[in-house]
N, C-alpha and C. Protein backbone atom coordinates (compact mmCIF):
# COMPACT_ATOMS: atom_id res chain seq x y z
N MET A 1 69.82 -24.19 -57.75
CA MET A 1 68.70 -23.40 -57.27
C MET A 1 67.38 -24.04 -57.73
N THR A 2 66.39 -24.10 -56.85
CA THR A 2 65.09 -24.65 -57.22
C THR A 2 64.29 -23.61 -58.02
N THR A 3 63.22 -24.06 -58.66
CA THR A 3 62.34 -23.14 -59.38
C THR A 3 61.82 -22.06 -58.44
N LYS A 4 61.39 -22.46 -57.27
CA LYS A 4 60.86 -21.51 -56.28
C LYS A 4 61.91 -20.45 -55.93
N GLU A 5 63.14 -20.87 -55.72
CA GLU A 5 64.21 -19.93 -55.38
C GLU A 5 64.50 -18.98 -56.54
N LYS A 6 64.44 -19.49 -57.76
CA LYS A 6 64.68 -18.65 -58.93
C LYS A 6 63.56 -17.62 -59.11
N VAL A 7 62.32 -18.05 -58.93
CA VAL A 7 61.18 -17.13 -59.04
C VAL A 7 61.25 -16.08 -57.94
N LYS A 8 61.61 -16.50 -56.75
CA LYS A 8 61.75 -15.56 -55.62
C LYS A 8 62.82 -14.52 -55.91
N ALA A 9 63.95 -14.94 -56.45
CA ALA A 9 65.02 -14.00 -56.79
C ALA A 9 64.56 -13.02 -57.87
N LEU A 10 63.82 -13.50 -58.86
CA LEU A 10 63.28 -12.64 -59.91
C LEU A 10 62.29 -11.65 -59.31
N TRP A 11 61.43 -12.12 -58.42
CA TRP A 11 60.46 -11.26 -57.72
C TRP A 11 61.20 -10.13 -57.01
N GLN A 12 62.23 -10.47 -56.26
CA GLN A 12 62.97 -9.46 -55.51
C GLN A 12 63.66 -8.45 -56.42
N LEU A 13 64.04 -8.87 -57.60
CA LEU A 13 64.64 -7.97 -58.57
C LEU A 13 63.59 -7.02 -59.15
N CYS A 14 62.39 -7.53 -59.39
CA CYS A 14 61.36 -6.76 -60.10
C CYS A 14 60.48 -5.90 -59.19
N PHE A 15 60.29 -6.33 -57.95
CA PHE A 15 59.37 -5.62 -57.06
C PHE A 15 60.12 -5.03 -55.87
N ASP A 16 59.57 -3.98 -55.32
CA ASP A 16 60.17 -3.30 -54.18
C ASP A 16 59.47 -3.69 -52.88
N ASP A 17 59.23 -5.00 -52.70
CA ASP A 17 58.55 -5.48 -51.50
C ASP A 17 59.56 -5.71 -50.39
N ASN A 18 59.10 -5.50 -49.15
CA ASN A 18 60.01 -5.75 -48.03
C ASN A 18 60.20 -7.25 -47.82
N GLU A 19 61.27 -7.61 -47.17
CA GLU A 19 61.65 -9.01 -46.99
C GLU A 19 60.58 -9.82 -46.27
N GLU A 20 59.90 -9.21 -45.29
CA GLU A 20 58.85 -9.92 -44.55
C GLU A 20 57.71 -10.33 -45.47
N PHE A 21 57.30 -9.43 -46.37
CA PHE A 21 56.22 -9.75 -47.30
C PHE A 21 56.65 -10.87 -48.26
N VAL A 22 57.85 -10.75 -48.81
CA VAL A 22 58.34 -11.75 -49.77
C VAL A 22 58.39 -13.13 -49.10
N GLU A 23 58.91 -13.19 -47.90
CA GLU A 23 58.98 -14.47 -47.18
C GLU A 23 57.59 -15.04 -46.93
N MET A 24 56.64 -14.17 -46.55
CA MET A 24 55.27 -14.62 -46.30
C MET A 24 54.62 -15.13 -47.58
N TYR A 25 54.77 -14.40 -48.68
CA TYR A 25 54.18 -14.79 -49.95
C TYR A 25 54.70 -16.16 -50.40
N PHE A 26 56.01 -16.33 -50.35
CA PHE A 26 56.59 -17.58 -50.83
C PHE A 26 56.38 -18.73 -49.85
N ARG A 27 56.04 -18.45 -48.62
CA ARG A 27 55.71 -19.49 -47.65
C ARG A 27 54.24 -19.90 -47.75
N LEU A 28 53.33 -18.90 -47.94
CA LEU A 28 51.91 -19.17 -47.87
C LEU A 28 51.20 -19.29 -49.22
N ARG A 29 51.66 -18.59 -50.24
CA ARG A 29 50.94 -18.54 -51.52
C ARG A 29 51.62 -19.28 -52.66
N TYR A 30 52.93 -19.20 -52.75
CA TYR A 30 53.63 -19.77 -53.89
C TYR A 30 53.60 -21.29 -53.87
N LYS A 31 53.29 -21.87 -55.03
CA LYS A 31 53.40 -23.32 -55.24
C LYS A 31 53.87 -23.51 -56.67
N ASN A 32 54.75 -24.47 -56.89
CA ASN A 32 55.21 -24.75 -58.25
C ASN A 32 54.06 -25.09 -59.19
N GLU A 33 53.01 -25.73 -58.66
CA GLU A 33 51.89 -26.17 -59.49
C GLU A 33 51.11 -25.00 -60.10
N ILE A 34 51.15 -23.83 -59.48
CA ILE A 34 50.39 -22.69 -60.00
C ILE A 34 51.31 -21.65 -60.64
N ASN A 35 52.58 -21.97 -60.75
CA ASN A 35 53.56 -21.06 -61.33
C ASN A 35 53.74 -21.35 -62.81
N ILE A 36 53.80 -20.30 -63.60
CA ILE A 36 54.14 -20.41 -65.01
C ILE A 36 55.41 -19.59 -65.20
N ALA A 37 56.40 -20.20 -65.83
CA ALA A 37 57.68 -19.51 -65.99
C ALA A 37 58.23 -19.71 -67.40
N ILE A 38 58.98 -18.73 -67.84
CA ILE A 38 59.72 -18.81 -69.09
C ILE A 38 61.19 -18.85 -68.71
N GLU A 39 61.89 -19.83 -69.27
CA GLU A 39 63.31 -19.99 -68.96
C GLU A 39 64.16 -19.68 -70.19
N SER A 40 65.32 -19.18 -69.91
CA SER A 40 66.35 -19.00 -70.94
C SER A 40 67.60 -19.65 -70.37
N GLY A 41 67.97 -20.80 -70.91
CA GLY A 41 69.05 -21.57 -70.32
C GLY A 41 68.61 -22.08 -68.95
N ASP A 42 69.42 -21.81 -67.94
CA ASP A 42 69.09 -22.22 -66.57
C ASP A 42 68.37 -21.14 -65.78
N GLU A 43 68.12 -20.01 -66.39
CA GLU A 43 67.53 -18.87 -65.68
C GLU A 43 66.05 -18.71 -66.00
N ILE A 44 65.27 -18.32 -65.01
CA ILE A 44 63.88 -17.95 -65.23
C ILE A 44 63.87 -16.46 -65.55
N VAL A 45 63.33 -16.12 -66.72
CA VAL A 45 63.33 -14.72 -67.15
C VAL A 45 61.97 -14.06 -66.99
N SER A 46 60.94 -14.86 -66.80
CA SER A 46 59.60 -14.31 -66.60
C SER A 46 58.78 -15.34 -65.84
N ALA A 47 57.89 -14.86 -64.96
CA ALA A 47 57.08 -15.78 -64.17
C ALA A 47 55.80 -15.10 -63.72
N LEU A 48 54.81 -15.92 -63.42
CA LEU A 48 53.59 -15.45 -62.78
C LEU A 48 52.97 -16.63 -62.06
N GLN A 49 52.12 -16.34 -61.11
CA GLN A 49 51.39 -17.37 -60.40
C GLN A 49 49.90 -17.16 -60.66
N MET A 50 49.19 -18.27 -60.87
CA MET A 50 47.74 -18.24 -61.06
C MET A 50 47.11 -18.84 -59.81
N ILE A 51 46.74 -17.96 -58.87
CA ILE A 51 46.25 -18.39 -57.57
C ILE A 51 44.76 -18.74 -57.67
N PRO A 52 44.39 -19.96 -57.27
CA PRO A 52 42.98 -20.36 -57.34
C PRO A 52 42.09 -19.43 -56.51
N TYR A 53 40.92 -19.12 -57.07
CA TYR A 53 39.99 -18.22 -56.41
C TYR A 53 38.56 -18.60 -56.78
N PRO A 54 37.75 -19.01 -55.80
CA PRO A 54 36.35 -19.32 -56.11
C PRO A 54 35.55 -18.02 -56.25
N MET A 55 34.83 -17.90 -57.35
CA MET A 55 34.04 -16.70 -57.61
C MET A 55 32.57 -17.08 -57.70
N THR A 56 31.70 -16.26 -57.14
CA THR A 56 30.27 -16.50 -57.26
C THR A 56 29.75 -15.74 -58.46
N PHE A 57 29.07 -16.46 -59.35
CA PHE A 57 28.51 -15.87 -60.57
C PHE A 57 27.10 -16.41 -60.75
N CYS A 58 26.12 -15.52 -60.70
CA CYS A 58 24.71 -15.90 -60.85
C CYS A 58 24.32 -16.99 -59.85
N GLY A 59 24.81 -16.88 -58.63
CA GLY A 59 24.48 -17.83 -57.58
C GLY A 59 25.29 -19.11 -57.58
N ASP A 60 26.13 -19.31 -58.58
CA ASP A 60 26.97 -20.50 -58.65
C ASP A 60 28.42 -20.15 -58.33
N THR A 61 29.12 -21.09 -57.73
CA THR A 61 30.54 -20.90 -57.48
C THR A 61 31.32 -21.44 -58.66
N VAL A 62 32.17 -20.58 -59.20
CA VAL A 62 33.00 -20.94 -60.35
C VAL A 62 34.45 -20.89 -59.91
N GLN A 63 35.21 -21.94 -60.21
CA GLN A 63 36.62 -21.97 -59.86
C GLN A 63 37.40 -21.15 -60.90
N THR A 64 38.04 -20.10 -60.44
CA THR A 64 38.84 -19.24 -61.32
C THR A 64 40.23 -19.10 -60.70
N SER A 65 41.04 -18.28 -61.30
CA SER A 65 42.35 -17.95 -60.76
C SER A 65 42.61 -16.48 -60.99
N TYR A 66 43.42 -15.89 -60.14
CA TYR A 66 43.88 -14.54 -60.40
C TYR A 66 45.40 -14.56 -60.54
N ILE A 67 45.88 -13.66 -61.38
CA ILE A 67 47.31 -13.60 -61.65
C ILE A 67 48.00 -12.77 -60.58
N SER A 68 49.08 -13.31 -60.07
CA SER A 68 49.85 -12.65 -59.03
C SER A 68 51.33 -12.73 -59.40
N GLY A 69 52.06 -11.70 -59.07
CA GLY A 69 53.51 -11.72 -59.21
C GLY A 69 54.01 -11.80 -60.64
N ALA A 70 53.24 -11.27 -61.59
CA ALA A 70 53.71 -11.31 -62.99
C ALA A 70 54.94 -10.41 -63.11
N CYS A 71 56.05 -10.99 -63.51
CA CYS A 71 57.29 -10.22 -63.59
C CYS A 71 58.20 -10.78 -64.68
N THR A 72 58.99 -9.88 -65.23
CA THR A 72 59.95 -10.23 -66.27
C THR A 72 61.28 -9.55 -65.96
N HIS A 73 62.35 -10.30 -66.10
CA HIS A 73 63.68 -9.73 -65.87
C HIS A 73 63.87 -8.54 -66.80
N PRO A 74 64.35 -7.42 -66.29
CA PRO A 74 64.52 -6.21 -67.12
C PRO A 74 65.33 -6.44 -68.39
N ASP A 75 66.28 -7.36 -68.36
CA ASP A 75 67.09 -7.64 -69.54
C ASP A 75 66.37 -8.50 -70.57
N SER A 76 65.17 -9.01 -70.23
CA SER A 76 64.47 -9.94 -71.10
C SER A 76 63.13 -9.43 -71.60
N VAL A 77 62.81 -8.19 -71.36
CA VAL A 77 61.49 -7.67 -71.70
C VAL A 77 61.18 -7.86 -73.18
N SER A 78 62.10 -7.60 -74.07
CA SER A 78 61.82 -7.72 -75.50
C SER A 78 61.62 -9.17 -75.93
N TYR A 79 62.18 -10.12 -75.20
CA TYR A 79 62.06 -11.55 -75.53
C TYR A 79 60.69 -12.10 -75.14
N THR A 80 60.18 -11.76 -73.97
CA THR A 80 59.00 -12.42 -73.43
C THR A 80 57.71 -12.02 -74.13
N HIS A 81 57.63 -10.87 -74.74
CA HIS A 81 56.36 -10.51 -75.38
C HIS A 81 56.02 -11.46 -76.52
N LEU A 82 56.99 -12.18 -77.03
CA LEU A 82 56.74 -13.13 -78.09
C LEU A 82 56.31 -14.50 -77.57
N THR A 83 56.70 -14.85 -76.36
CA THR A 83 56.47 -16.20 -75.87
C THR A 83 55.46 -16.30 -74.74
N LEU A 84 55.22 -15.26 -73.97
CA LEU A 84 54.32 -15.36 -72.82
C LEU A 84 52.90 -15.73 -73.23
N PRO A 85 52.29 -15.14 -74.26
CA PRO A 85 50.93 -15.56 -74.63
C PRO A 85 50.85 -17.05 -74.96
N THR A 86 51.85 -17.61 -75.59
CA THR A 86 51.87 -19.03 -75.90
C THR A 86 51.91 -19.85 -74.63
N LYS A 87 52.70 -19.44 -73.65
CA LYS A 87 52.78 -20.16 -72.38
C LYS A 87 51.44 -20.13 -71.66
N LEU A 88 50.73 -19.01 -71.69
CA LEU A 88 49.46 -18.89 -70.98
C LEU A 88 48.35 -19.71 -71.62
N GLU A 89 48.44 -19.97 -72.91
CA GLU A 89 47.43 -20.74 -73.60
C GLU A 89 47.49 -22.22 -73.24
N VAL A 90 48.62 -22.68 -72.75
CA VAL A 90 48.79 -24.10 -72.44
C VAL A 90 47.93 -24.53 -71.29
């Protein structure tokens, strides 16, 4: 399974989105380059995407990102609170 497929499976487990939306999101928005994931063995237990977003601030455009699809496998919630902040700082 690819990283994208693993994140998609985790998304479907964590969110109650219809299949059309999930397919559209992973076709149009998801990219491995903007995905941050925590793995345990061969499984992704937590993931989020940082989607680029240009923001205007005081007349200037600033390149920012917004977090989308932040999710953690229900069986791994106690594990990720220790490691997710470290992953985001990278």
